[in-house]
């Protein structure tokens, strides 16, 4: 219940802030162009709060916090008195109308830059792109534990998240990745990771794992937290024991233990588990017991548990002074925009899965998660969401800002506005496209919840 309330709260805060900036962009430019604004609303539906300023604009906070709008005086919607016709939006020049419509997405873009600047000034704590363990494809490519990834396909990376995104992009494009690393001897080396060999239909969210890469911060020590009474480990292992080997196989992290216990159980008979206890290495004999995993599948178990919710210490920080942070924030905005547009292009061409389309449930969960991680992560989330709103609103879909801009560009070319009939048809098409997109987003959200 706590996570649910937190998710709802932080989603409302996030969307409220970003929508306010977006609509303020429309409002501010509209007023500069002499357009009379009737209402500035954050949210839809019944107003919960409302005030009117001297210019006659109503400022409202409405009950449904999933958007907002700026309602302007327009002869196509209401009868306008002769004295106010010069203030009607439809009577402004096409360039003024373009400026008013483009101001909303531009406000979100500027907000993204500001939020990233603030994040870099505060300092963003993160995990370095240091490899903790390699298997399969990555191991065959020559990547080793302790290597720190510097660049992927010529793109500089600092954090594990940036490296994962670059690898995922190469995998979706069915291309091998050139990975430049700094090894434990401080030597720079380039390895070729054959991501083009990943099977068709691979899970795009697990590209590093599928390639055999395990980041260092993923690796939780195999430190026994508790022992189940009556289990195979009862009376043998103790809380606080650090497992370092199972049946002669070295253990570097907790995630390796289940597979080795399974192999030991399938072999049959007792095996030896090496642990560090109070600084002393002990070899203890244990026989796994048959049981079932959380999914109900038959497996072999010791009856031990490792600490849950373990969060390793951050080992990287992105921090800059107020002036140095400006170009860094601009570059990061450009990088995120390129990634977002690239993902949209890949979804359209079929190189990326439709599962990448997320809705309000995912937004709420991520908002809550980043808020828990700290101000730096929440600012990064807000910046990314603000940029996403900018890009989505610029799509040439009727109803969205981009659709209106398309109308005005056509008007510039043909020398006259589109007919009411053509614009009405476009509105219906836009509604259908948005309904389909929202339906897909909600479907992915619900599917994600069901798979948890």
Protein backbone atom coordinates (compact mmCIF):
# COMPACT_ATOMS: atom_id res chain seq x y z
CA UNK A 1 0.00 0.00 0.00
CA UNK A 2 2.89 2.35 0.80
CA UNK A 3 4.42 1.89 -2.67
CA UNK A 4 1.02 2.38 -4.31
CA UNK A 5 0.35 5.67 -2.51
CA UNK A 6 3.92 6.82 -3.14
CA UNK A 7 3.65 5.98 -6.84
CA UNK A 8 0.38 7.87 -7.23
CA UNK A 9 1.70 10.86 -5.31
CA UNK A 10 4.96 11.19 -7.23
CA UNK A 11 3.18 10.69 -10.57
CA UNK A 12 0.82 13.57 -9.70
CA UNK A 13 3.76 15.76 -8.65
CA UNK A 14 5.74 14.88 -11.80
CA UNK A 15 2.95 15.33 -14.31
CA UNK A 16 1.65 18.42 -12.53
CA UNK A 17 5.04 20.13 -12.73
CA UNK A 18 5.73 19.20 -16.35
CA UNK A 19 2.22 20.00 -17.58
CA UNK A 20 2.33 23.38 -15.82
CA UNK A 21 5.54 24.30 -17.65
CA UNK A 22 4.18 23.04 -20.96
CA UNK A 23 0.95 25.00 -20.72
CA UNK A 24 2.76 28.07 -19.39
CA UNK A 25 4.81 28.04 -22.60
CA UNK A 26 1.60 28.25 -24.64
CA UNK A 27 0.13 30.88 -22.29
CA UNK A 28 3.17 33.15 -22.17
CA UNK A 29 3.70 33.29 -25.94
CA UNK A 30 -0.05 33.64 -26.57
CA UNK A 31 -0.16 36.71 -24.33
CA UNK A 32 2.94 38.15 -26.05
CA UNK A 33 1.15 37.72 -29.39
CA UNK A 34 -1.98 39.48 -28.12
CA UNK A 35 -4.18 36.40 -27.84
CA UNK A 36 -6.80 36.45 -25.10
CA UNK A 37 -6.49 33.35 -22.89
CA UNK A 38 -9.76 32.22 -21.32
CA UNK A 39 -8.48 29.43 -19.09
CA UNK A 40 -5.18 27.92 -17.93
CA UNK A 41 -5.93 24.50 -16.44
CA UNK A 42 -3.65 21.91 -14.89
CA UNK A 43 -5.67 18.68 -15.09
CA UNK A 44 -8.99 17.89 -16.71
CA UNK A 45 -12.57 17.72 -15.47
CA UNK A 46 -14.16 19.54 -12.58
CA UNK A 47 -12.01 22.39 -11.17
CA UNK A 48 -10.90 21.88 -7.57
CA UNK A 49 -9.46 25.40 -7.35
CA UNK A 50 -9.87 28.44 -9.56
CA UNK A 51 -8.79 32.10 -9.65
CA UNK A 52 -9.25 34.84 -12.29
CA UNK A 53 -6.62 37.49 -13.07
CA UNK A 54 -7.12 41.06 -14.29
CA UNK A 55 -6.90 39.99 -17.96
CA UNK A 56 -9.88 37.69 -17.45
CA UNK A 57 -7.92 34.43 -17.55
CA UNK A 58 -9.16 31.65 -15.25
CA UNK A 59 -6.36 29.65 -13.59
CA UNK A 60 -7.61 26.22 -12.45
CA UNK A 61 -6.44 22.96 -10.93
CA UNK A 62 -8.78 20.18 -12.03
CA UNK A 63 -9.65 16.76 -10.64
CA UNK A 64 -7.97 14.49 -13.25
CA UNK A 65 -4.19 15.11 -13.03
CA UNK A 66 -3.25 13.55 -16.37
CA UNK A 67 -2.67 16.64 -18.49
CA UNK A 68 -3.82 20.20 -18.90
CA UNK A 69 -4.80 22.83 -21.44
CA UNK A 70 -4.82 26.51 -22.32
CA UNK A 71 -8.13 27.65 -23.78
CA UNK A 72 -7.83 30.70 -26.02
CA UNK A 73 -10.42 32.98 -27.58
CA UNK A 74 -11.26 31.50 -31.00
CA UNK A 75 -14.05 32.34 -33.44
CA UNK A 76 -14.28 28.71 -34.49
CA UNK A 77 -15.45 27.75 -31.02
CA UNK A 78 -17.52 30.64 -29.68
CA UNK A 79 -19.14 33.85 -30.93
CA UNK A 80 -16.57 36.60 -30.40
CA UNK A 81 -17.62 40.25 -29.90
CA UNK A 82 -16.36 42.60 -32.59
CA UNK A 83 -14.21 44.49 -30.07
CA UNK A 84 -12.29 41.30 -29.15
CA UNK A 85 -11.86 39.74 -32.59
CA UNK A 86 -8.32 41.03 -32.88
CA UNK A 87 -7.49 38.97 -29.77
CA UNK A 88 -8.86 35.71 -31.23
CA UNK A 89 -6.28 33.02 -31.89
CA UNK A 90 -7.63 32.22 -35.36
CA UNK A 91 -7.15 35.87 -36.44
CA UNK A 92 -3.42 35.89 -35.70
CA UNK A 93 -0.82 35.45 -38.44
CA UNK A 94 0.29 31.91 -39.24
CA UNK A 95 3.74 32.62 -37.75
CA UNK A 96 2.17 33.82 -34.50
CA UNK A 97 0.03 30.69 -34.33
CA UNK A 98 3.11 28.55 -34.98
CA UNK A 99 4.94 30.35 -32.16
CA UNK A 100 2.07 29.82 -29.69
CA UNK A 101 1.74 26.10 -30.49
CA UNK A 102 5.49 25.40 -30.53
CA UNK A 103 5.99 27.20 -27.21
CA UNK A 104 4.60 24.28 -25.17
CA UNK A 105 7.07 21.63 -26.38
CA UNK A 106 9.87 24.23 -26.29
CA UNK A 107 9.07 24.93 -22.62
CA UNK A 108 9.46 21.21 -21.87
CA UNK A 109 12.77 21.14 -23.75
CA UNK A 110 14.11 24.11 -21.79
CA UNK A 111 12.89 22.53 -18.55
CA UNK A 112 14.75 19.33 -19.44
CA UNK A 113 18.00 21.29 -19.87
CA UNK A 114 17.46 23.12 -16.58
CA UNK A 115 16.68 19.93 -14.63
CA UNK A 116 19.79 18.20 -16.02
CA UNK A 117 21.86 21.27 -15.16
CA UNK A 118 20.54 21.19 -11.59
CA UNK A 119 21.24 17.46 -11.37
CA UNK A 120 24.85 17.88 -12.51
CA UNK A 121 25.42 20.78 -10.09
CA UNK A 122 24.04 18.74 -7.19
CA UNK A 123 25.91 15.65 -8.39
CA UNK A 124 24.36 12.45 -9.62
CA UNK A 125 25.42 9.29 -7.78
CA UNK A 126 25.61 6.23 -10.03
CA UNK A 127 27.40 2.96 -10.75
CA UNK A 128 30.47 2.82 -12.95
CA UNK A 129 30.52 0.69 -16.10
CA UNK A 130 32.84 -1.82 -14.42
CA UNK A 131 32.44 -5.47 -15.36
CA UNK A 132 32.05 -7.85 -12.43
CA UNK A 133 31.85 -11.19 -14.25
CA UNK A 134 31.69 -12.42 -17.84
CA UNK A 135 30.29 -15.59 -19.37
CA UNK A 136 29.40 -16.83 -22.83
CA UNK A 137 29.63 -14.24 -25.59
CA UNK A 138 31.39 -11.57 -23.50
CA UNK A 139 33.93 -14.02 -22.14
CA UNK A 140 34.68 -15.34 -25.63
CA UNK A 141 35.17 -11.75 -26.82
CA UNK A 142 37.94 -11.28 -24.25
CA UNK A 143 36.08 -9.08 -21.78
CA UNK A 144 37.12 -9.80 -18.18
CA UNK A 145 36.13 -9.00 -14.62
CA UNK A 146 37.52 -5.64 -13.59
CA UNK A 147 37.40 -4.14 -17.10
CA UNK A 148 35.85 -0.67 -17.11
CA UNK A 149 33.95 0.20 -20.26
CA UNK A 150 35.02 3.56 -21.70
CA UNK A 151 33.25 3.63 -25.08
CA UNK A 152 30.74 1.58 -27.04
CA UNK A 153 30.88 2.08 -30.82
CA UNK A 154 32.79 5.31 -30.26
CA UNK A 155 30.25 6.68 -27.81
CA UNK A 156 31.71 7.71 -24.43
CA UNK A 157 30.09 6.04 -21.43
CA UNK A 158 30.66 6.60 -17.73
CA UNK A 159 27.94 4.62 -16.01
CA UNK A 160 26.66 1.07 -16.35
CA UNK A 161 23.29 2.46 -17.46
CA UNK A 162 24.86 4.39 -20.35
CA UNK A 163 26.86 1.34 -21.41
CA UNK A 164 23.78 -0.89 -21.24
CA UNK A 165 21.80 1.54 -23.40
CA UNK A 166 24.55 1.70 -26.01
CA UNK A 167 24.77 -2.11 -26.12
CA UNK A 168 20.99 -2.41 -26.38
CA UNK A 169 20.95 0.03 -29.31
CA UNK A 170 23.55 -2.04 -31.17
CA UNK A 171 21.66 -5.26 -30.43
CA UNK A 172 18.36 -3.85 -31.72
CA UNK A 173 20.15 -2.79 -34.92
CA UNK A 174 21.55 -6.34 -35.22
CA UNK A 175 25.11 -5.02 -35.16
CA UNK A 176 28.25 -6.12 -33.37
CA UNK A 177 29.49 -3.63 -30.76
CA UNK A 178 33.03 -2.29 -30.50
CA UNK A 179 33.68 -2.07 -26.76
CA UNK A 180 36.69 -0.08 -25.56
CA UNK A 181 37.74 -0.92 -22.01
CA UNK A 182 40.38 -0.02 -19.47
CA UNK A 183 41.60 -3.30 -17.96
CA UNK A 184 42.97 -3.96 -14.48
CA UNK A 185 46.51 -3.21 -15.78
CA UNK A 186 45.38 0.28 -16.93
CA UNK A 187 45.69 -0.78 -20.57
CA UNK A 188 43.07 0.34 -23.08
CA UNK A 189 41.78 -2.50 -25.25
CA UNK A 190 39.04 -2.86 -27.85
CA UNK A 191 36.85 -5.96 -27.92
CA UNK A 192 34.18 -6.93 -30.44
CA UNK A 193 30.96 -8.11 -28.82
CA UNK A 194 29.00 -10.09 -31.48
CA UNK A 195 25.54 -8.84 -30.53
CA UNK A 196 24.32 -9.61 -34.06
CA UNK A 197 24.38 -13.27 -33.01
CA UNK A 198 21.69 -12.83 -30.36
CA UNK A 199 18.64 -14.96 -31.25
CA UNK A 200 15.61 -13.40 -32.89
CA UNK A 201 13.04 -12.12 -30.42
CA UNK A 202 15.56 -11.55 -27.61
CA UNK A 203 14.46 -9.58 -24.56
CA UNK A 204 15.73 -6.04 -25.20
CA UNK A 205 15.67 -5.28 -21.48
CA UNK A 206 18.29 -7.99 -20.79
CA UNK A 207 20.90 -7.38 -23.50
CA UNK A 208 23.94 -7.18 -21.14
CA UNK A 209 22.91 -10.43 -19.41
CA UNK A 210 22.22 -12.19 -22.71
CA UNK A 211 25.65 -11.08 -23.92
CA UNK A 212 27.26 -12.54 -20.77
CA UNK A 213 28.00 -9.21 -19.07
CA UNK A 214 27.38 -8.78 -15.36
CA UNK A 215 28.11 -5.31 -14.02
CA UNK A 216 30.11 -5.20 -10.82
CA UNK A 217 27.36 -3.52 -8.80
CA UNK A 218 24.98 -6.40 -9.63
CA UNK A 219 27.15 -8.89 -7.78
CA UNK A 220 25.91 -9.33 -4.22
CA UNK A 221 28.27 -11.27 -1.92
CA UNK A 222 27.00 -14.76 -1.08
CA UNK A 223 26.59 -13.83 2.58
CA UNK A 224 24.13 -16.09 4.41
CA UNK A 225 21.38 -14.00 6.00
CA UNK A 226 19.24 -16.78 7.49
CA UNK A 227 18.92 -20.59 7.58
CA UNK A 228 15.57 -22.41 7.39
CA UNK A 229 15.06 -24.77 10.39
CA UNK A 230 15.10 -28.40 9.32
CA UNK A 231 16.68 -27.63 5.95
CA UNK A 232 19.83 -29.15 4.48
CA UNK A 233 21.89 -26.23 5.78
CA UNK A 234 20.42 -26.29 9.31
CA UNK A 235 23.23 -27.01 11.78
CA UNK A 236 25.84 -26.67 9.02
CA UNK A 237 25.75 -23.09 7.81
CA UNK A 238 25.29 -20.05 10.04
CA UNK A 239 24.05 -16.52 9.39
CA UNK A 240 27.10 -14.43 8.54
CA UNK A 241 28.89 -17.22 6.63
CA UNK A 242 30.34 -16.06 3.30
CA UNK A 243 30.07 -18.84 0.71
CA UNK A 244 33.22 -18.89 -1.47
CA UNK A 245 32.88 -22.30 -3.21
CA UNK A 246 30.27 -25.02 -3.85
CA UNK A 247 31.52 -28.51 -4.71
CA UNK A 248 34.85 -27.05 -5.81
CA UNK A 249 33.33 -24.31 -7.99
CA UNK A 250 34.38 -20.80 -7.00
CA UNK A 251 31.55 -18.48 -5.91
CA UNK A 252 31.97 -14.75 -6.50
CA UNK A 253 28.38 -13.62 -5.96
CA UNK A 254 25.08 -14.84 -4.52
CA UNK A 255 23.45 -15.31 -7.93
CA UNK A 256 25.89 -18.16 -8.71
CA UNK A 257 24.85 -20.28 -5.73
CA UNK A 258 21.48 -21.67 -6.96
CA UNK A 259 22.97 -23.10 -10.19
CA UNK A 260 25.84 -24.79 -8.31
CA UNK A 261 23.47 -26.21 -5.70
CA UNK A 262 21.26 -27.53 -8.51
CA UNK A 263 24.26 -29.21 -10.13
CA UNK A 264 25.26 -30.71 -6.79
CA UNK A 265 21.75 -32.02 -6.18
CA UNK A 266 21.52 -33.55 -9.65
CA UNK A 267 24.88 -35.27 -9.12
CA UNK A 268 23.53 -36.83 -5.94
CA UNK A 269 25.13 -37.38 -2.56
CA UNK A 270 26.83 -34.87 -0.27
CA UNK A 271 29.15 -32.11 -1.43
CA UNK A 272 31.48 -29.61 0.13
CA UNK A 273 30.67 -25.95 0.65
CA UNK A 274 33.55 -23.64 1.52
CA UNK A 275 32.73 -20.62 3.68
CA UNK A 276 34.55 -17.83 5.43
CA UNK A 277 33.49 -17.69 9.09
CA UNK A 278 35.10 -15.23 11.51
CA UNK A 279 38.09 -14.92 9.16
CA UNK A 280 38.60 -18.69 8.94
CA UNK A 281 37.95 -20.77 5.80
CA UNK A 282 35.90 -23.90 6.51
CA UNK A 283 34.93 -26.81 4.25
CA UNK A 284 31.49 -28.09 5.30
CA UNK A 285 29.66 -31.17 4.01
CA UNK A 286 26.02 -30.73 2.96
CA UNK A 287 23.44 -32.64 0.91
CA UNK A 288 20.85 -30.49 -0.94
CA UNK A 289 17.17 -31.33 -0.50
CA UNK A 290 14.57 -31.52 -3.26
CA UNK A 291 12.12 -28.62 -3.22
CA UNK A 292 10.34 -26.07 -5.37
CA UNK A 293 11.35 -22.59 -6.46
CA UNK A 294 8.99 -19.54 -6.15
CA UNK A 295 7.43 -20.46 -9.53
CA UNK A 296 6.61 -23.97 -8.33
CA UNK A 297 9.32 -25.65 -10.42
CA UNK A 298 11.24 -28.63 -8.95
CA UNK A 299 14.75 -27.74 -7.83
CA UNK A 300 17.42 -28.51 -5.22
CA UNK A 301 17.81 -26.32 -2.16
CA UNK A 302 20.05 -25.71 0.83
CA UNK A 303 17.49 -23.75 2.82
CA UNK A 304 19.39 -20.49 3.10
CA UNK A 305 18.50 -16.90 2.22
CA UNK A 306 20.65 -13.96 1.20
CA UNK A 307 19.93 -10.35 2.23
CA UNK A 308 17.05 -8.81 0.26
CA UNK A 309 17.00 -5.28 -1.09
CA UNK A 310 20.79 -5.02 -0.88
CA UNK A 311 21.88 -1.74 -2.49
CA UNK A 312 25.65 -1.49 -3.08
CA UNK A 313 27.43 1.80 -2.54
CA UNK A 314 27.65 4.09 -5.56
CA UNK A 315 31.09 4.17 -7.14
CA UNK A 316 30.64 6.97 -9.69
CA UNK A 317 29.54 10.58 -9.46
CA UNK A 318 28.69 13.04 -12.22
CA UNK A 319 29.22 16.51 -10.72
CA UNK A 320 30.14 19.82 -12.34
CA UNK A 321 30.32 23.47 -11.37
CA UNK A 322 27.43 25.81 -12.27
CA UNK A 323 29.12 27.06 -15.47
CA UNK A 324 30.68 23.76 -16.56
CA UNK A 325 27.31 22.05 -16.08
CA UNK A 326 25.66 24.13 -18.84
CA UNK A 327 27.35 22.51 -21.88
CA UNK A 328 27.18 19.10 -20.16
CA UNK A 329 23.41 19.49 -19.68
CA UNK A 330 23.01 20.52 -23.33
CA UNK A 331 25.02 17.51 -24.54
CA UNK A 332 23.06 15.16 -22.28
CA UNK A 333 19.77 16.59 -23.60
CA UNK A 334 20.95 16.00 -27.17
CA UNK A 335 22.02 12.45 -26.29
CA UNK A 336 18.71 11.61 -24.62
CA UNK A 337 16.78 13.13 -27.53
CA UNK A 338 18.79 11.03 -29.98
CA UNK A 339 18.14 7.88 -27.96
CA UNK A 340 14.42 8.61 -27.72
CA UNK A 341 14.02 9.38 -31.43
CA UNK A 342 16.12 6.34 -32.29
CA UNK A 343 13.91 4.11 -30.16
CA UNK A 344 10.78 5.51 -31.82
CA UNK A 345 12.27 4.89 -35.25
CA UNK A 346 13.16 1.32 -34.32
CA UNK A 347 9.65 0.66 -33.01
CA UNK A 348 8.17 1.92 -36.29
CA UNK A 349 10.58 -0.16 -38.41
CA UNK A 350 10.12 -3.25 -36.23
CA UNK A 351 13.71 -3.34 -34.91
CA UNK A 352 12.45 -2.67 -31.38
CA UNK A 353 9.59 -4.29 -29.52
CA UNK A 354 6.28 -2.55 -28.86
CA UNK A 355 6.88 -3.48 -25.21
CA UNK A 356 9.01 -0.34 -25.00
CA UNK A 357 5.82 1.77 -25.06
CA UNK A 358 4.88 2.52 -21.45
CA UNK A 359 1.90 4.20 -19.80
CA UNK A 360 0.97 5.95 -16.56
CA UNK A 361 1.46 2.87 -14.38
CA UNK A 362 5.10 2.57 -15.40
CA UNK A 363 5.57 6.34 -15.04
CA UNK A 364 4.15 6.19 -11.51
CA UNK A 365 6.40 3.28 -10.52
CA UNK A 366 9.54 4.92 -11.93
CA UNK A 367 8.63 8.26 -10.32
CA UNK A 368 8.33 6.57 -6.93
CA UNK A 369 11.51 4.56 -7.40
CA UNK A 370 13.64 7.54 -8.42
CA UNK A 371 12.21 9.71 -5.64
CA UNK A 372 13.37 7.05 -3.15
CA UNK A 373 16.87 7.03 -4.66
CA UNK A 374 17.38 10.73 -4.08
CA UNK A 375 16.94 14.22 -5.50
CA UNK A 376 19.55 13.63 -8.21
CA UNK A 377 17.76 10.61 -9.65
CA UNK A 378 14.34 12.27 -9.41
CA UNK A 379 15.63 15.30 -11.30
CA UNK A 380 16.98 12.98 -14.00
CA UNK A 381 13.61 11.23 -14.25
CA UNK A 382 11.78 14.57 -14.53
CA UNK A 383 14.19 15.73 -17.23
CA UNK A 384 13.70 12.55 -19.26
CA UNK A 385 9.91 12.73 -18.86
CA UNK A 386 9.88 16.42 -19.84
CA UNK A 387 11.91 15.63 -22.96
CA UNK A 388 9.55 12.77 -23.79
CA UNK A 389 6.55 15.12 -23.53
CA UNK A 390 8.32 17.55 -25.86
CA UNK A 391 9.03 14.88 -28.47
CA UNK A 392 5.60 13.22 -28.28
CA UNK A 393 3.80 16.56 -28.58
CA UNK A 394 5.80 17.38 -31.70
CA UNK A 395 4.71 14.22 -33.51
CA UNK A 396 2.68 15.21 -36.61
CA UNK A 397 -0.52 13.71 -35.20
CA UNK A 398 -3.68 15.85 -35.29
CA UNK A 399 -4.81 16.90 -31.78
CA UNK A 400 -1.18 17.07 -30.63
CA UNK A 401 0.87 20.26 -31.01
CA UNK A 402 2.78 18.64 -33.87
CA UNK A 403 -0.46 18.07 -35.75
CA UNK A 404 -1.39 21.75 -35.48
CA UNK A 405 2.10 22.73 -36.62
CA UNK A 406 1.62 20.45 -39.65
CA UNK A 407 -1.64 22.28 -40.47
CA UNK A 408 0.12 25.65 -40.30
CA UNK A 409 3.04 24.48 -42.45
CA UNK A 410 0.53 23.31 -45.07
CA UNK A 411 -1.14 26.71 -44.79
CA UNK A 412 2.20 28.43 -45.46
CA UNK A 413 2.75 26.30 -48.56
CA UNK A 414 -0.73 26.59 -50.07
CA UNK A 415 -1.32 30.18 -48.99
CA UNK A 416 -4.62 29.54 -47.18
CA UNK A 417 -5.82 27.55 -44.17
CA UNK A 418 -6.99 23.96 -44.50
CA UNK A 419 -10.71 23.54 -44.80
CA UNK A 420 -12.79 22.83 -41.71
CA UNK A 421 -13.66 19.44 -43.20
CA UNK A 422 -10.00 18.46 -43.69
CA UNK A 423 -9.10 19.51 -40.15
CA UNK A 424 -12.10 17.62 -38.72
CA UNK A 425 -11.02 14.48 -40.58
CA UNK A 426 -7.52 14.94 -39.19
CA UNK A 427 -8.93 15.22 -35.68
CA UNK A 428 -10.69 11.87 -36.03
CA UNK A 429 -7.50 10.26 -37.34
CA UNK A 430 -5.55 11.78 -34.46
CA UNK A 431 -8.05 10.50 -31.91
CA UNK A 432 -7.81 6.99 -33.37
CA UNK A 433 -4.00 7.05 -33.31
CA UNK A 434 -3.89 8.37 -29.75
CA UNK A 435 -6.47 5.82 -28.58
CA UNK A 436 -4.40 3.03 -30.10
CA UNK A 437 -1.19 4.34 -28.55
CA UNK A 438 -2.80 4.73 -25.13
CA UNK A 439 -4.34 1.26 -25.40
CA UNK A 440 -0.93 -0.24 -26.16
CA UNK A 441 0.65 1.64 -23.26
CA UNK A 442 -2.01 0.45 -20.80
CA UNK A 443 -1.72 -3.12 -22.13
CA UNK A 444 2.05 -3.11 -21.56
CA UNK A 445 1.54 -1.66 -18.07
CA UNK A 446 -1.00 -4.32 -17.12
CA UNK A 447 1.12 -7.09 -18.63
CA UNK A 448 4.10 -5.86 -16.64
CA UNK A 449 2.08 -5.97 -13.41
CA UNK A 450 0.78 -9.47 -14.20
CA UNK A 451 4.31 -10.79 -14.79
CA UNK A 452 5.57 -9.56 -11.43
